[in-house]
């Protein structure tokens, strides 16, 4: 995944969450941010900041690792 593209990371995470029934509220709690921010990223209304992108990539990796177990 290209961590340099915030929109791509948010879209990838959104698709993964939809496919695996992970709510935006859970993502918000796991990131320590608001549900509104996560929803805005998922819908493309906003792009996450660069420092948040790294956290999104790590969270997606965590979700994928947990699903693989």
N, C-alpha and C. Protein backbone atom coordinates (compact mmCIF):
# COMPACT_ATOMS: atom_id res chain seq x y z
N UNK A 1 0.83 -1.17 0.00
CA UNK A 1 0.00 0.00 0.00
C UNK A 1 0.88 1.24 0.00
N UNK A 2 0.47 2.25 -0.72
CA UNK A 2 1.24 3.49 -0.81
C UNK A 2 0.85 4.43 0.32
N UNK A 3 1.65 4.47 1.36
CA UNK A 3 1.35 5.30 2.52
C UNK A 3 1.40 6.79 2.20
N UNK A 4 1.98 7.15 1.06
CA UNK A 4 2.08 8.55 0.68
C UNK A 4 0.76 9.10 0.18
N UNK A 5 -0.19 8.26 -0.12
CA UNK A 5 -1.47 8.69 -0.65
C UNK A 5 -2.56 8.54 0.41
N UNK A 6 -2.87 9.61 1.15
CA UNK A 6 -3.83 9.51 2.24
C UNK A 6 -5.20 9.04 1.78
N UNK A 7 -5.63 9.50 0.63
CA UNK A 7 -6.96 9.10 0.15
C UNK A 7 -7.00 7.60 -0.11
N UNK A 8 -5.96 7.06 -0.72
CA UNK A 8 -5.90 5.63 -0.99
C UNK A 8 -5.93 4.83 0.31
N UNK A 9 -5.20 5.25 1.29
CA UNK A 9 -5.15 4.54 2.57
C UNK A 9 -6.53 4.54 3.22
N UNK A 10 -7.19 5.68 3.24
CA UNK A 10 -8.51 5.78 3.85
C UNK A 10 -9.52 4.91 3.10
N UNK A 11 -9.45 4.91 1.78
CA UNK A 11 -10.37 4.10 0.98
C UNK A 11 -10.10 2.62 1.21
N UNK A 12 -8.83 2.24 1.26
CA UNK A 12 -8.48 0.83 1.52
C UNK A 12 -9.02 0.38 2.88
N UNK A 13 -8.83 1.23 3.88
CA UNK A 13 -9.31 0.89 5.22
C UNK A 13 -10.83 0.82 5.23
N UNK A 14 -11.49 1.76 4.57
CA UNK A 14 -12.95 1.77 4.52
C UNK A 14 -13.47 0.49 3.87
N UNK A 15 -12.89 0.10 2.75
CA UNK A 15 -13.32 -1.12 2.06
C UNK A 15 -13.11 -2.34 2.95
N UNK A 16 -11.97 -2.39 3.62
CA UNK A 16 -11.69 -3.52 4.51
C UNK A 16 -12.72 -3.56 5.64
N UNK A 17 -13.01 -2.43 6.22
CA UNK A 17 -13.95 -2.37 7.34
C UNK A 17 -15.35 -2.80 6.90
N UNK A 18 -15.76 -2.36 5.72
CA UNK A 18 -17.07 -2.76 5.21
C UNK A 18 -17.11 -4.27 5.00
N UNK A 19 -16.08 -4.80 4.38
CA UNK A 19 -16.04 -6.23 4.09
C UNK A 19 -15.99 -7.09 5.35
N UNK A 20 -15.45 -6.54 6.43
CA UNK A 20 -15.27 -7.32 7.65
C UNK A 20 -16.13 -6.82 8.82
N UNK A 21 -17.13 -6.03 8.48
CA UNK A 21 -18.10 -5.54 9.47
C UNK A 21 -17.44 -4.84 10.66
N UNK A 22 -16.51 -3.97 10.34
CA UNK A 22 -15.83 -3.16 11.37
C UNK A 22 -16.42 -1.75 11.26
N UNK A 23 -16.99 -1.28 12.35
CA UNK A 23 -17.66 0.02 12.32
C UNK A 23 -16.68 1.18 12.35
N UNK A 24 -17.15 2.32 11.85
CA UNK A 24 -16.33 3.53 11.92
C UNK A 24 -16.13 3.93 13.38
N UNK A 25 -17.09 3.60 14.23
CA UNK A 25 -16.95 3.89 15.66
C UNK A 25 -15.79 3.10 16.26
N UNK A 26 -15.64 1.84 15.84
CA UNK A 26 -14.50 1.04 16.34
C UNK A 26 -13.19 1.60 15.83
N UNK A 27 -13.14 1.99 14.56
CA UNK A 27 -11.92 2.58 14.00
C UNK A 27 -11.58 3.84 14.77
N UNK A 28 -12.58 4.67 15.04
CA UNK A 28 -12.35 5.90 15.78
C UNK A 28 -11.80 5.61 17.17
N UNK A 29 -12.38 4.63 17.84
CA UNK A 29 -11.90 4.26 19.17
C UNK A 29 -10.48 3.72 19.11
N UNK A 30 -10.19 2.89 18.12
CA UNK A 30 -8.86 2.32 18.00
C UNK A 30 -7.81 3.38 17.67
N UNK A 31 -8.23 4.44 16.97
CA UNK A 31 -7.30 5.52 16.63
C UNK A 31 -7.28 6.64 17.66
N UNK A 32 -8.28 6.66 18.53
CA UNK A 32 -8.38 7.74 19.50
C UNK A 32 -8.80 9.04 18.84
N UNK A 33 -9.69 8.95 17.86
CA UNK A 33 -10.17 10.13 17.16
C UNK A 33 -11.69 10.09 17.11
N UNK A 34 -12.30 11.07 16.50
CA UNK A 34 -13.76 11.12 16.47
C UNK A 34 -14.35 10.26 15.35
N UNK A 35 -15.58 9.82 15.59
CA UNK A 35 -16.29 9.07 14.55
C UNK A 35 -16.50 9.94 13.32
N UNK A 36 -16.70 11.24 13.55
CA UNK A 36 -16.92 12.17 12.44
C UNK A 36 -15.70 12.23 11.52
N UNK A 37 -14.51 12.24 12.12
CA UNK A 37 -13.28 12.27 11.31
C UNK A 37 -13.17 11.01 10.46
N UNK A 38 -13.39 9.86 11.09
CA UNK A 38 -13.29 8.59 10.37
C UNK A 38 -14.32 8.55 9.25
N UNK A 39 -15.53 8.96 9.53
CA UNK A 39 -16.58 8.97 8.51
C UNK A 39 -16.18 9.88 7.34
N UNK A 40 -15.64 11.04 7.66
CA UNK A 40 -15.21 11.97 6.61
C UNK A 40 -14.11 11.38 5.75
N UNK A 41 -13.19 10.66 6.35
CA UNK A 41 -12.12 10.00 5.58
C UNK A 41 -12.70 8.90 4.69
N UNK A 42 -13.59 8.10 5.29
CA UNK A 42 -14.17 6.97 4.56
C UNK A 42 -15.02 7.42 3.37
N UNK A 43 -15.67 8.55 3.51
CA UNK A 43 -16.55 9.03 2.44
C UNK A 43 -15.84 9.97 1.47
N UNK A 44 -14.59 10.26 1.74
CA UNK A 44 -13.83 11.12 0.85
C UNK A 44 -14.07 12.61 1.05
N UNK A 45 -14.80 12.97 2.10
CA UNK A 45 -15.05 14.39 2.38
C UNK A 45 -13.80 15.09 2.87
N UNK A 46 -12.93 14.33 3.52
CA UNK A 46 -11.66 14.86 4.02
C UNK A 46 -10.56 13.84 3.78
N UNK A 47 -9.34 14.34 3.76
CA UNK A 47 -8.17 13.47 3.66
C UNK A 47 -7.45 13.50 5.00
N UNK A 48 -7.04 12.33 5.48
CA UNK A 48 -6.30 12.30 6.75
C UNK A 48 -4.95 12.99 6.61
N UNK A 49 -4.49 13.56 7.70
CA UNK A 49 -3.17 14.20 7.71
C UNK A 49 -2.09 13.14 7.58
N UNK A 50 -0.92 13.58 7.18
CA UNK A 50 0.20 12.66 6.93
C UNK A 50 0.50 11.80 8.16
N UNK A 51 0.52 12.39 9.33
CA UNK A 51 0.85 11.61 10.53
C UNK A 51 -0.25 10.60 10.85
N UNK A 52 -1.47 10.90 10.44
CA UNK A 52 -2.57 9.97 10.66
C UNK A 52 -2.52 8.81 9.68
N UNK A 53 -2.01 9.06 8.49
CA UNK A 53 -1.91 8.02 7.47
C UNK A 53 -1.09 6.85 7.99
N UNK A 54 0.01 7.13 8.65
CA UNK A 54 0.84 6.06 9.22
C UNK A 54 0.04 5.23 10.22
N UNK A 55 -0.78 5.89 11.00
CA UNK A 55 -1.60 5.18 11.98
C UNK A 55 -2.68 4.36 11.30
N UNK A 56 -3.23 4.87 10.19
CA UNK A 56 -4.23 4.13 9.43
C UNK A 56 -3.64 2.86 8.82
N UNK A 57 -2.44 2.99 8.28
CA UNK A 57 -1.76 1.83 7.70
C UNK A 57 -1.51 0.79 8.78
N UNK A 58 -1.02 1.22 9.93
CA UNK A 58 -0.76 0.30 11.04
C UNK A 58 -2.04 -0.37 11.52
N UNK A 59 -3.13 0.39 11.59
CA UNK A 59 -4.40 -0.17 12.03
C UNK A 59 -4.92 -1.19 11.03
N UNK A 60 -4.83 -0.89 9.76
CA UNK A 60 -5.25 -1.84 8.73
C UNK A 60 -4.43 -3.12 8.83
N UNK A 61 -3.13 -2.99 9.02
CA UNK A 61 -2.28 -4.17 9.19
C UNK A 61 -2.69 -4.97 10.42
N UNK A 62 -3.03 -4.28 11.49
CA UNK A 62 -3.48 -4.95 12.73
C UNK A 62 -4.77 -5.71 12.49
N UNK A 63 -5.73 -5.09 11.82
CA UNK A 63 -6.99 -5.76 11.52
C UNK A 63 -6.76 -7.00 10.65
N UNK A 64 -5.91 -6.86 9.65
CA UNK A 64 -5.63 -7.99 8.75
C UNK A 64 -4.94 -9.13 9.51
N UNK A 65 -4.00 -8.79 10.38
CA UNK A 65 -3.30 -9.81 11.17
C UNK A 65 -4.27 -10.53 12.10
N UNK A 66 -5.17 -9.79 12.72
CA UNK A 66 -6.14 -10.40 13.63
C UNK A 66 -7.09 -11.32 12.87
N UNK A 67 -7.44 -10.95 11.65
CA UNK A 67 -8.36 -11.77 10.85
C UNK A 67 -7.68 -13.04 10.37
N UNK A 68 -6.36 -12.99 10.23
CA UNK A 68 -5.62 -14.15 9.72
C UNK A 68 -5.44 -15.24 10.77
N UNK A 69 -5.65 -14.88 12.02
CA UNK A 69 -5.43 -15.85 13.11
C UNK A 69 -6.56 -16.81 13.22
